[in-house]
Amino acid sequence: MQYIDYLGFFAGALILASLVPQIIKSWRTKETKDISLAMFIIYLLGVITWLIYGILVKSLPMTVTNVLCLFLASINLCLKIKYK
């Protein structure tokens, strides 16, 4: 693994960390009215596209990050649908 991969993993960790507070808040409060459903659907489509790109260019940091982002964003989307 090259040093640039570490930078990619660090950037991915920051993106993943940004999703966690919303999941925790939605889970605890059981409220998601302030979350835009359209935004999360567009976000998920973007993550899926980046995942495909990461696989095609064989970028481990991009692939791992986007698999995890897809997982966390899917949790957020499920909470949005469940608690709307």
N, C-alpha and C. Protein backbone atom coordinates (compact mmCIF):
# COMPACT_ATOMS: atom_id res chain seq x y z
N MET A 1 0.85 -1.18 0.00
CA MET A 1 0.00 0.00 0.00
C MET A 1 0.90 1.24 0.00
N GLN A 2 0.51 2.22 -0.80
CA GLN A 2 1.29 3.45 -0.91
C GLN A 2 0.77 4.51 0.06
N TYR A 3 1.59 5.51 0.30
CA TYR A 3 1.20 6.56 1.24
C TYR A 3 -0.09 7.25 0.82
N ILE A 4 -0.33 7.35 -0.47
CA ILE A 4 -1.54 8.01 -0.96
C ILE A 4 -2.79 7.23 -0.54
N ASP A 5 -2.65 5.92 -0.39
CA ASP A 5 -3.77 5.10 0.07
C ASP A 5 -4.15 5.45 1.50
N TYR A 6 -3.17 5.76 2.32
CA TYR A 6 -3.46 6.17 3.70
C TYR A 6 -4.26 7.46 3.72
N LEU A 7 -3.91 8.36 2.83
CA LEU A 7 -4.67 9.61 2.71
C LEU A 7 -6.12 9.31 2.29
N GLY A 8 -6.28 8.38 1.37
CA GLY A 8 -7.63 7.99 0.94
C GLY A 8 -8.43 7.37 2.07
N PHE A 9 -7.80 6.52 2.86
CA PHE A 9 -8.49 5.92 4.01
C PHE A 9 -8.84 6.97 5.06
N PHE A 10 -7.95 7.93 5.26
CA PHE A 10 -8.23 9.01 6.22
C PHE A 10 -9.42 9.84 5.76
N ALA A 11 -9.44 10.20 4.48
CA ALA A 11 -10.56 10.97 3.92
C ALA A 11 -11.85 10.17 4.06
N GLY A 12 -11.78 8.89 3.77
CA GLY A 12 -12.96 8.04 3.90
C GLY A 12 -13.46 7.95 5.33
N ALA A 13 -12.53 7.88 6.27
CA ALA A 13 -12.92 7.81 7.69
C ALA A 13 -13.65 9.09 8.11
N LEU A 14 -13.21 10.23 7.60
CA LEU A 14 -13.88 11.49 7.92
C LEU A 14 -15.30 11.51 7.35
N ILE A 15 -15.46 11.03 6.13
CA ILE A 15 -16.79 10.98 5.52
C ILE A 15 -17.69 10.04 6.30
N LEU A 16 -17.16 8.89 6.67
CA LEU A 16 -17.95 7.93 7.46
C LEU A 16 -18.34 8.52 8.81
N ALA A 17 -17.40 9.20 9.44
CA ALA A 17 -17.67 9.80 10.74
C ALA A 17 -18.76 10.86 10.65
N SER A 18 -18.88 11.51 9.51
CA SER A 18 -19.91 12.54 9.35
C SER A 18 -21.32 11.95 9.32
N LEU A 19 -21.45 10.68 8.97
CA LEU A 19 -22.78 10.05 8.91
C LEU A 19 -23.25 9.55 10.27
N VAL A 20 -22.33 9.23 11.14
CA VAL A 20 -22.68 8.60 12.42
C VAL A 20 -23.53 9.48 13.33
N PRO A 21 -23.23 10.76 13.51
CA PRO A 21 -24.06 11.57 14.42
C PRO A 21 -25.53 11.62 14.02
N GLN A 22 -25.82 11.66 12.71
CA GLN A 22 -27.21 11.69 12.27
C GLN A 22 -27.91 10.38 12.57
N ILE A 23 -27.20 9.27 12.39
CA ILE A 23 -27.79 7.97 12.71
C ILE A 23 -28.11 7.90 14.19
N ILE A 24 -27.19 8.31 15.02
CA ILE A 24 -27.39 8.27 16.48
C ILE A 24 -28.57 9.16 16.87
N LYS A 25 -28.62 10.38 16.32
CA LYS A 25 -29.70 11.30 16.66
C LYS A 25 -31.05 10.74 16.22
N SER A 26 -31.12 10.23 15.00
CA SER A 26 -32.38 9.68 14.49
C SER A 26 -32.82 8.47 15.31
N TRP A 27 -31.88 7.64 15.69
CA TRP A 27 -32.18 6.44 16.47
C TRP A 27 -32.73 6.82 17.85
N ARG A 28 -32.07 7.79 18.50
CA ARG A 28 -32.48 8.18 19.86
C ARG A 28 -33.80 8.93 19.89
N THR A 29 -33.96 9.87 18.98
CA THR A 29 -35.15 10.73 19.01
C THR A 29 -36.33 10.15 18.25
N LYS A 30 -36.07 9.19 17.40
CA LYS A 30 -37.11 8.58 16.54
C LYS A 30 -37.76 9.65 15.66
N GLU A 31 -37.00 10.68 15.31
CA GLU A 31 -37.48 11.75 14.44
C GLU A 31 -36.52 11.96 13.28
N THR A 32 -37.10 12.05 12.09
CA THR A 32 -36.27 12.30 10.91
C THR A 32 -36.92 13.32 9.97
N LYS A 33 -37.86 14.09 10.49
CA LYS A 33 -38.60 15.02 9.63
C LYS A 33 -37.69 16.08 9.00
N ASP A 34 -36.58 16.40 9.63
CA ASP A 34 -35.68 17.42 9.09
C ASP A 34 -34.66 16.87 8.09
N ILE A 35 -34.71 15.57 7.84
CA ILE A 35 -33.80 14.96 6.88
C ILE A 35 -34.51 14.87 5.54
N SER A 36 -33.87 15.33 4.50
CA SER A 36 -34.45 15.31 3.16
C SER A 36 -34.33 13.91 2.56
N LEU A 37 -35.46 13.32 2.24
CA LEU A 37 -35.46 12.00 1.61
C LEU A 37 -34.81 12.08 0.23
N ALA A 38 -35.11 13.11 -0.52
CA ALA A 38 -34.52 13.28 -1.85
C ALA A 38 -33.00 13.38 -1.76
N MET A 39 -32.50 14.11 -0.76
CA MET A 39 -31.05 14.25 -0.60
C MET A 39 -30.41 12.90 -0.33
N PHE A 40 -31.02 12.09 0.53
CA PHE A 40 -30.42 10.80 0.84
C PHE A 40 -30.46 9.85 -0.34
N ILE A 41 -31.51 9.91 -1.14
CA ILE A 41 -31.57 9.06 -2.32
C ILE A 41 -30.49 9.47 -3.32
N ILE A 42 -30.34 10.76 -3.53
CA ILE A 42 -29.29 11.26 -4.43
C ILE A 42 -27.91 10.90 -3.87
N TYR A 43 -27.73 11.05 -2.57
CA TYR A 43 -26.47 10.70 -1.92
C TYR A 43 -26.15 9.22 -2.14
N LEU A 44 -27.15 8.35 -1.93
CA LEU A 44 -26.94 6.91 -2.13
C LEU A 44 -26.56 6.61 -3.58
N LEU A 45 -27.20 7.26 -4.53
CA LEU A 45 -26.84 7.06 -5.93
C LEU A 45 -25.40 7.49 -6.20
N GLY A 46 -25.00 8.59 -5.58
CA GLY A 46 -23.61 9.05 -5.72
C GLY A 46 -22.63 8.06 -5.12
N VAL A 47 -22.96 7.52 -3.95
CA VAL A 47 -22.10 6.55 -3.29
C VAL A 47 -21.98 5.28 -4.14
N ILE A 48 -23.09 4.82 -4.68
CA ILE A 48 -23.07 3.63 -5.54
C ILE A 48 -22.19 3.88 -6.76
N THR A 49 -22.31 5.07 -7.35
CA THR A 49 -21.49 5.41 -8.52
C THR A 49 -20.01 5.45 -8.16
N TRP A 50 -19.67 6.07 -7.01
CA TRP A 50 -18.27 6.10 -6.57
C TRP A 50 -17.76 4.70 -6.25
N LEU A 51 -18.62 3.85 -5.72
CA LEU A 51 -18.23 2.47 -5.43
C LEU A 51 -17.88 1.74 -6.73
N ILE A 52 -18.73 1.87 -7.73
CA ILE A 52 -18.45 1.24 -9.02
C ILE A 52 -17.14 1.78 -9.59
N TYR A 53 -16.95 3.08 -9.52
CA TYR A 53 -15.71 3.69 -10.00
C TYR A 53 -14.51 3.14 -9.24
N GLY A 54 -14.61 3.07 -7.92
CA GLY A 54 -13.51 2.55 -7.11
C GLY A 54 -13.15 1.12 -7.46
N ILE A 55 -14.16 0.32 -7.74
CA ILE A 55 -13.92 -1.07 -8.15
C ILE A 55 -13.22 -1.10 -9.51
N LEU A 56 -13.71 -0.28 -10.44
CA LEU A 56 -13.15 -0.28 -11.79
C LEU A 56 -11.70 0.20 -11.83
N VAL A 57 -11.36 1.18 -11.01
CA VAL A 57 -9.97 1.67 -11.00
C VAL A 57 -9.11 0.94 -9.97
N LYS A 58 -9.73 -0.05 -9.31
CA LYS A 58 -9.04 -0.89 -8.33
C LYS A 58 -8.43 -0.06 -7.18
N SER A 59 -9.24 0.86 -6.66
CA SER A 59 -8.82 1.69 -5.53
C SER A 59 -9.40 1.11 -4.24
N LEU A 60 -8.54 0.51 -3.44
CA LEU A 60 -9.00 -0.09 -2.19
C LEU A 60 -9.62 0.94 -1.25
N PRO A 61 -8.98 2.10 -1.01
CA PRO A 61 -9.59 3.09 -0.11
C PRO A 61 -10.98 3.54 -0.60
N MET A 62 -11.11 3.78 -1.88
CA MET A 62 -12.38 4.25 -2.41
C MET A 62 -13.44 3.15 -2.32
N THR A 63 -13.06 1.93 -2.60
CA THR A 63 -14.02 0.83 -2.55
C THR A 63 -14.48 0.57 -1.13
N VAL A 64 -13.54 0.47 -0.20
CA VAL A 64 -13.89 0.20 1.20
C VAL A 64 -14.74 1.33 1.77
N THR A 65 -14.31 2.56 1.54
CA THR A 65 -15.04 3.71 2.06
C THR A 65 -16.47 3.74 1.54
N ASN A 66 -16.65 3.50 0.26
CA ASN A 66 -17.99 3.59 -0.31
C ASN A 66 -18.87 2.42 0.06
N VAL A 67 -18.31 1.25 0.30
CA VAL A 67 -19.11 0.14 0.82
C VAL A 67 -19.64 0.52 2.20
N LEU A 68 -18.77 1.06 3.04
CA LEU A 68 -19.18 1.45 4.39
C LEU A 68 -20.15 2.64 4.36
N CYS A 69 -19.91 3.60 3.47
CA CYS A 69 -20.83 4.73 3.33
C CYS A 69 -22.20 4.25 2.86
N LEU A 70 -22.21 3.31 1.95
CA LEU A 70 -23.47 2.76 1.47
C LEU A 70 -24.23 2.10 2.62
N PHE A 71 -23.52 1.39 3.46
CA PHE A 71 -24.13 0.75 4.62
C PHE A 71 -24.72 1.79 5.59
N LEU A 72 -23.91 2.79 5.96
CA LEU A 72 -24.37 3.80 6.91
C LEU A 72 -25.49 4.66 6.32
N ALA A 73 -25.37 5.04 5.07
CA ALA A 73 -26.41 5.85 4.44
C ALA A 73 -27.70 5.05 4.31
N SER A 74 -27.58 3.76 4.09
CA SER A 74 -28.78 2.91 4.02
C SER A 74 -29.48 2.84 5.37
N ILE A 75 -28.69 2.81 6.44
CA ILE A 75 -29.28 2.84 7.78
C ILE A 75 -30.05 4.15 7.97
N ASN A 76 -29.42 5.26 7.59
CA ASN A 76 -30.09 6.56 7.69
C ASN A 76 -31.37 6.59 6.87
N LEU A 77 -31.33 6.04 5.67
CA LEU A 77 -32.51 6.02 4.82
C LEU A 77 -33.62 5.16 5.44
N CYS A 78 -33.26 4.01 5.98
CA CYS A 78 -34.24 3.15 6.65
C CYS A 78 -34.87 3.86 7.84
N LEU A 79 -34.06 4.57 8.62
CA LEU A 79 -34.60 5.32 9.76
C LEU A 79 -35.54 6.42 9.27
N LYS A 80 -35.17 7.07 8.18
CA LYS A 80 -36.01 8.12 7.61
C LYS A 80 -37.37 7.55 7.22
N ILE A 81 -37.36 6.42 6.56
CA ILE A 81 -38.61 5.80 6.13
C ILE A 81 -39.41 5.30 7.32
N LYS A 82 -38.74 4.69 8.28
CA LYS A 82 -39.42 4.13 9.45
C LYS A 82 -40.04 5.20 10.35
N TYR A 83 -39.32 6.29 10.57
CA TYR A 83 -39.78 7.32 11.52
C TYR A 83 -40.39 8.55 10.87
N LYS A 84 -40.76 8.48 9.60
CA LYS A 84 -41.27 9.69 8.97
C LYS A 84 -42.57 10.11 9.59
